[in-house]
Amino acid sequence: MKPFVIVRSHNDMPVISETLLKLSEQSLPFELLCLDNESTDGTVDELKKYSSRIVNIPRGTYIPGRVLNLGMELSSGPHVVFLNSDCTPQNRDWLEKLLLGFGENPKIAAVFGRQIPRPDCKPLFAKDTEDTYGDGNRQKCWKHCFSMASSAISRSVWEESRFDENLKYSEDIDWTWRARQRGYLIKYVPDSIVMHSHNYTLKQFHKRHCGEGRAEAAIFEWSSWETSFLRYSLAPFARQILSDWKYCMKNGLIMGALSSPVIRLSQLLGRRKGFKEGLREKTQ
């Protein structure tokens, strides 16, 4: 049985053209299912070149968990692959290597691949991407790490527990964390590589971290010390700036070093705001 690859898209021209081309060149045959959120920029025309299975998600109805559940319902096979339309595979065996991550271990609930920044990615955002993925060593220091952008999940584990359709952010973190609490494993596959990055404005970066902070409060359990301003916000802020400065000095990125406090303050304020809102909602 060919594995299913599910591509989610919304107005992703022209990068989706490159993604679909690289996807079509994979060494492993697959079925392609496209879930498009009412694109208006030619994305759908591009999808039609590669698949006849295109499902329209009407504007205003896109809820991440609901769309992921729909993709699972419309696909088949023991493992289902998810690829964001702006995630471009970097080798012909991206898919094969990703699925090999499951091996013969039925306790692996999900696998996810490495992401590398695009050439035009701003230095600190490129650094964030490399810190999150890279060789995977940084992930071991965190409570949990996963990204749906280039991933595959076990159908049997999904059938036990579906994606939460109430979360607007981090539904992938929530699903894989819950799987871990039931004894399943999440595996990082660093040799399955896609190119994926964003150059956020300060407003966009603040909004992203606000959403992630809100979801983080809901997903994990927290002690009073862990929720304190010092532990949750100030200490990470200081560590991040120090890390940025070391990175920028090493690579001669003076402007990156100067912009770090502003970017990280936007991150701190957004995440703290969302986190506090999430904690309040959790206790109601």
Protein backbone atom coordinates (compact mmCIF):
# COMPACT_ATOMS: atom_id res chain seq x y z
CA MET A 1 0.00 0.00 0.00
CA LYS A 2 1.33 3.41 -0.95
CA PRO A 3 1.66 5.85 1.96
CA PHE A 4 -0.50 8.96 1.95
CA VAL A 5 1.14 12.38 1.93
CA ILE A 6 -1.21 15.15 3.07
CA VAL A 7 -0.36 18.70 2.01
CA ARG A 8 -2.09 21.62 3.71
CA SER A 9 -2.02 24.92 1.84
CA HIS A 10 -3.21 28.51 1.79
CA ASN A 11 -1.98 31.07 -0.75
CA ASP A 12 1.54 29.66 -0.94
CA MET A 13 2.60 30.66 -4.44
CA PRO A 14 5.28 30.51 -5.67
CA VAL A 15 7.01 28.33 -3.06
CA ILE A 16 4.39 25.58 -3.34
CA SER A 17 5.50 25.02 -6.94
CA GLU A 18 8.96 24.04 -5.76
CA THR A 19 7.56 21.92 -2.92
CA LEU A 20 5.25 19.93 -5.20
CA LEU A 21 7.98 19.43 -7.79
CA LYS A 22 10.41 18.06 -5.20
CA LEU A 23 7.62 15.93 -3.75
CA SER A 24 6.88 14.44 -7.17
CA GLU A 25 10.53 13.36 -7.48
CA GLN A 26 10.53 11.21 -4.35
CA SER A 27 12.00 7.73 -4.63
CA LEU A 28 9.03 6.18 -2.78
CA PRO A 29 5.61 6.10 -4.53
CA PHE A 30 2.77 7.74 -2.58
CA GLU A 31 -0.80 9.01 -2.71
CA LEU A 32 -1.24 12.78 -2.51
CA LEU A 33 -4.17 14.38 -0.66
CA CYS A 34 -4.40 18.17 -0.62
CA LEU A 35 -6.33 20.18 1.96
CA ASP A 36 -6.53 23.77 0.73
CA ASN A 37 -7.88 26.67 2.77
CA GLU A 38 -9.62 28.50 -0.08
CA SER A 39 -6.48 29.83 -1.80
CA THR A 40 -6.91 32.65 -4.31
CA ASP A 41 -3.36 33.10 -5.66
CA GLY A 42 -3.08 30.15 -8.04
CA THR A 43 -2.19 27.58 -5.38
CA VAL A 44 -5.16 25.36 -6.33
CA ASP A 45 -4.17 25.37 -10.02
CA GLU A 46 -0.71 24.23 -8.97
CA LEU A 47 -2.15 21.47 -6.79
CA LYS A 48 -4.25 20.20 -9.70
CA LYS A 49 -1.07 19.47 -11.66
CA TYR A 50 -0.13 16.81 -9.11
CA SER A 51 -3.34 15.51 -7.54
CA SER A 52 -7.03 15.05 -8.26
CA ARG A 53 -7.77 14.75 -4.55
CA ILE A 54 -8.12 18.35 -3.42
CA VAL A 55 -10.45 19.20 -0.55
CA ASN A 56 -11.49 22.82 -0.03
CA ILE A 57 -11.53 24.08 3.55
CA PRO A 58 -13.86 27.15 3.45
CA ARG A 59 -12.50 30.46 4.62
CA GLY A 60 -13.11 31.05 8.32
CA THR A 61 -13.50 27.35 9.12
CA TYR A 62 -9.83 26.33 9.36
CA ILE A 63 -9.20 24.82 12.79
CA PRO A 64 -5.86 22.95 12.77
CA GLY A 65 -6.95 19.91 14.80
CA ARG A 66 -10.15 19.52 12.80
CA VAL A 67 -8.26 19.67 9.49
CA LEU A 68 -5.69 17.12 10.67
CA ASN A 69 -8.48 14.77 11.78
CA LEU A 70 -10.15 15.21 8.40
CA GLY A 71 -6.91 14.30 6.65
CA MET A 72 -6.65 11.14 8.71
CA GLU A 73 -10.26 10.23 7.94
CA LEU A 74 -9.75 10.68 4.18
CA SER A 75 -6.48 8.74 4.02
CA SER A 76 -5.50 5.15 4.70
CA GLY A 77 -2.49 3.10 5.73
CA PRO A 78 -0.68 2.48 9.01
CA HIS A 79 1.33 5.71 8.80
CA VAL A 80 0.22 9.05 7.32
CA VAL A 81 2.66 11.78 6.27
CA PHE A 82 2.00 15.50 6.67
CA LEU A 83 3.90 18.15 4.72
CA ASN A 84 3.20 21.88 4.84
CA SER A 85 3.02 23.42 1.39
CA ASP A 86 5.93 25.75 2.17
CA CYS A 87 8.18 22.89 3.30
CA THR A 88 10.35 21.89 0.36
CA PRO A 89 12.00 18.43 0.46
CA GLN A 90 15.76 18.68 0.00
CA ASN A 91 16.44 15.18 -1.28
CA ARG A 92 14.72 12.43 -3.26
CA ASP A 93 14.55 10.15 -0.24
CA TRP A 94 12.97 12.68 2.18
CA LEU A 95 9.81 10.56 2.36
CA GLU A 96 11.56 7.21 2.55
CA LYS A 97 13.88 8.33 5.34
CA LEU A 98 11.00 9.88 7.29
CA LEU A 99 8.97 6.66 7.24
CA LEU A 100 12.01 4.54 8.07
CA GLY A 101 12.01 6.40 11.37
CA PHE A 102 9.18 4.14 12.55
CA GLY A 103 11.26 1.01 11.97
CA GLU A 104 9.44 -2.00 13.39
CA ASN A 105 8.63 -0.33 16.70
CA PRO A 106 4.85 -0.12 17.35
CA LYS A 107 5.49 2.23 20.28
CA ILE A 108 6.55 5.09 17.99
CA ALA A 109 3.55 7.40 17.65
CA ALA A 110 5.12 9.97 15.35
CA VAL A 111 8.30 10.99 13.57
CA PHE A 112 9.38 14.42 12.39
CA GLY A 113 12.14 15.62 10.12
CA ARG A 114 14.74 18.35 10.10
CA GLN A 115 13.96 21.86 8.87
CA ILE A 116 16.61 24.21 7.48
CA PRO A 117 16.11 27.93 6.79
CA ARG A 118 15.69 29.40 3.34
CA PRO A 119 18.58 31.47 1.94
CA ASP A 120 16.69 34.74 2.52
CA CYS A 121 15.86 33.95 6.15
CA LYS A 122 16.89 36.68 8.61
CA PRO A 123 19.84 35.62 10.80
CA LEU A 124 18.07 35.25 14.16
CA PHE A 125 15.14 33.37 12.68
CA ALA A 126 17.61 31.10 10.86
CA LYS A 127 19.37 30.56 14.19
CA ASP A 128 16.06 29.63 15.83
CA THR A 129 15.43 27.03 13.13
CA GLU A 130 18.87 25.49 13.54
CA ASP A 131 18.57 25.54 17.36
CA THR A 132 15.22 23.74 17.21
CA TYR A 133 16.29 21.08 14.72
CA GLY A 134 19.95 20.68 13.74
CA ASP A 135 21.40 17.46 15.12
CA GLY A 136 18.61 17.23 17.70
CA ASN A 137 20.81 17.72 20.76
CA ARG A 138 19.01 20.89 21.91
CA GLN A 139 15.70 19.04 21.88
CA LYS A 140 16.91 16.82 24.72
CA CYS A 141 17.00 19.85 27.05
CA TRP A 142 13.33 20.71 26.48
CA LYS A 143 10.15 19.32 27.97
CA HIS A 144 8.91 18.31 24.51
CA CYS A 145 9.60 18.98 20.83
CA PHE A 146 7.68 18.18 17.66
CA SER A 147 6.58 19.82 14.41
CA MET A 148 3.76 18.70 12.14
CA ALA A 149 5.26 20.61 9.19
CA SER A 150 7.28 17.61 8.01
CA SER A 151 6.11 14.55 9.90
CA ALA A 152 4.29 11.23 9.93
CA ILE A 153 1.98 9.72 12.54
CA SER A 154 0.72 6.28 13.44
CA ARG A 155 -2.91 5.66 12.51
CA SER A 156 -3.45 3.23 15.37
CA VAL A 157 -2.27 5.83 17.90
CA TRP A 158 -4.49 8.48 16.29
CA GLU A 159 -7.46 6.12 16.51
CA GLU A 160 -6.87 5.92 20.26
CA SER A 161 -6.88 9.71 20.60
CA ARG A 162 -7.60 12.27 17.88
CA PHE A 163 -6.26 15.80 17.53
CA ASP A 164 -7.85 18.37 19.84
CA GLU A 165 -10.22 20.51 17.76
CA ASN A 166 -10.43 23.27 20.37
CA LEU A 167 -6.79 24.38 20.21
CA LYS A 168 -5.84 27.12 17.73
CA TYR A 169 -2.09 26.65 18.19
CA SER A 170 0.27 23.76 18.99
CA GLU A 171 -2.27 21.01 18.30
CA ASP A 172 0.66 18.86 17.15
CA ILE A 173 2.52 19.43 20.42
CA ASP A 174 -0.63 18.54 22.34
CA TRP A 175 -1.25 15.30 20.40
CA THR A 176 2.31 14.02 20.64
CA TRP A 177 2.60 14.99 24.31
CA ARG A 178 -0.57 13.08 25.14
CA ALA A 179 0.81 10.10 23.22
CA ARG A 180 3.99 10.24 25.30
CA GLN A 181 1.95 10.22 28.49
CA ARG A 182 0.46 6.93 27.32
CA GLY A 183 3.89 5.37 26.85
CA TYR A 184 4.49 6.09 23.16
CA LEU A 185 7.67 7.50 21.64
CA ILE A 186 8.26 10.51 19.38
CA LYS A 187 11.29 10.25 17.11
CA TYR A 188 13.33 12.94 15.35
CA VAL A 189 14.73 11.97 11.92
CA PRO A 190 17.48 14.52 11.12
CA ASP A 191 18.35 13.09 7.70
CA SER A 192 14.83 13.69 6.36
CA ILE A 193 15.22 17.37 5.45
CA VAL A 194 12.94 20.15 4.22
CA MET A 195 13.60 23.85 3.68
CA HIS A 196 11.19 25.92 5.75
CA SER A 197 11.42 29.30 7.48
CA HIS A 198 9.58 32.60 7.95
CA ASN A 199 10.72 36.21 8.18
CA TYR A 200 8.27 37.49 10.79
CA THR A 201 7.50 41.11 11.49
CA LEU A 202 7.59 42.01 15.18
CA LYS A 203 3.78 41.96 15.23
CA GLN A 204 3.65 38.51 13.62
CA PHE A 205 6.34 37.19 15.98
CA HIS A 206 4.46 38.52 19.00
CA LYS A 207 1.21 36.94 17.78
CA ARG A 208 2.84 33.58 17.12
CA HIS A 209 4.36 33.40 20.60
CA CYS A 210 1.16 34.61 22.20
CA GLY A 211 -0.69 31.70 20.62
CA GLU A 212 2.01 29.20 21.52
CA GLY A 213 2.20 30.45 25.12
CA ARG A 214 -1.56 30.11 25.48
CA ALA A 215 -1.49 26.56 24.15
CA GLU A 216 1.55 25.68 26.27
CA ALA A 217 -0.33 26.67 29.43
CA ALA A 218 -3.18 24.36 28.48
CA ILE A 219 -1.11 21.37 27.37
CA PHE A 220 1.41 20.99 30.20
CA GLU A 221 1.19 20.93 33.98
CA TRP A 222 3.06 23.71 35.78
CA SER A 223 4.39 24.34 39.29
CA SER A 224 4.12 27.84 40.78
CA TRP A 225 7.88 28.29 40.25
CA GLU A 226 7.65 27.28 36.59
CA THR A 227 4.90 29.84 35.95
CA SER A 228 6.77 32.71 37.62
CA PHE A 229 7.96 35.66 35.57
CA LEU A 230 11.56 34.91 36.50
CA ARG A 231 11.50 31.23 35.49
CA TYR A 232 9.13 31.27 32.52
CA SER A 233 9.96 34.64 30.97
CA LEU A 234 12.98 36.58 32.25
CA ALA A 235 15.53 33.75 32.47
CA PRO A 236 14.79 32.44 28.93
CA PHE A 237 14.87 36.04 27.64
CA ALA A 238 18.36 36.61 29.07
CA ARG A 239 19.66 33.23 27.87
CA GLN A 240 18.30 33.84 24.38
CA ILE A 241 19.95 37.25 24.03
CA LEU A 242 23.28 35.88 25.23
CA SER A 243 22.99 33.01 22.77
CA ASP A 244 22.08 35.43 19.96
CA TRP A 245 25.07 37.66 20.69
CA LYS A 246 27.49 34.72 20.70
CA TYR A 247 26.05 33.53 17.39
CA CYS A 248 26.14 36.99 15.81
CA MET A 249 29.68 37.80 16.96
CA LYS A 250 30.91 34.45 15.65
CA ASN A 251 29.36 35.12 12.25
CA GLY A 252 30.00 38.87 12.03
CA LEU A 253 26.30 39.78 12.22
CA ILE A 254 26.40 43.18 13.92
CA MET A 255 22.84 44.15 12.95
CA GLY A 256 21.57 40.81 14.19
CA ALA A 257 23.17 41.41 17.58
CA LEU A 258 21.64 44.89 17.79
CA SER A 259 18.18 43.65 16.85
CA SER A 260 18.20 40.70 19.28
CA PRO A 261 16.87 42.55 22.38
CA VAL A 262 13.96 43.98 20.39
CA ILE A 263 13.03 40.66 18.77
CA ARG A 264 13.36 38.72 22.02
CA LEU A 265 11.34 41.30 23.94
CA SER A 266 8.53 40.85 21.39
CA GLN A 267 8.84 37.11 21.96
CA LEU A 268 8.78 37.49 25.75
CA LEU A 269 5.78 39.81 25.81
CA GLY A 270 3.78 37.68 23.38
CA ARG A 271 4.50 34.40 25.10
CA ARG A 272 3.92 35.80 28.58
CA LYS A 273 0.61 37.34 27.54
CA GLY A 274 -0.63 34.10 25.95
CA PHE A 275 0.67 31.98 28.82
CA LYS A 276 -1.18 34.03 31.45
CA GLU A 277 -4.38 33.90 29.40
CA GLY A 278 -4.00 30.14 29.04
CA LEU A 279 -3.47 29.67 32.77
CA ARG A 280 -6.57 31.70 33.56
CA GLU A 281 -8.67 29.67 31.11
CA LYS A 282 -7.31 26.44 32.57
CA THR A 283 -8.50 27.29 36.08
CA GLN A 284 -11.99 28.44 35.05
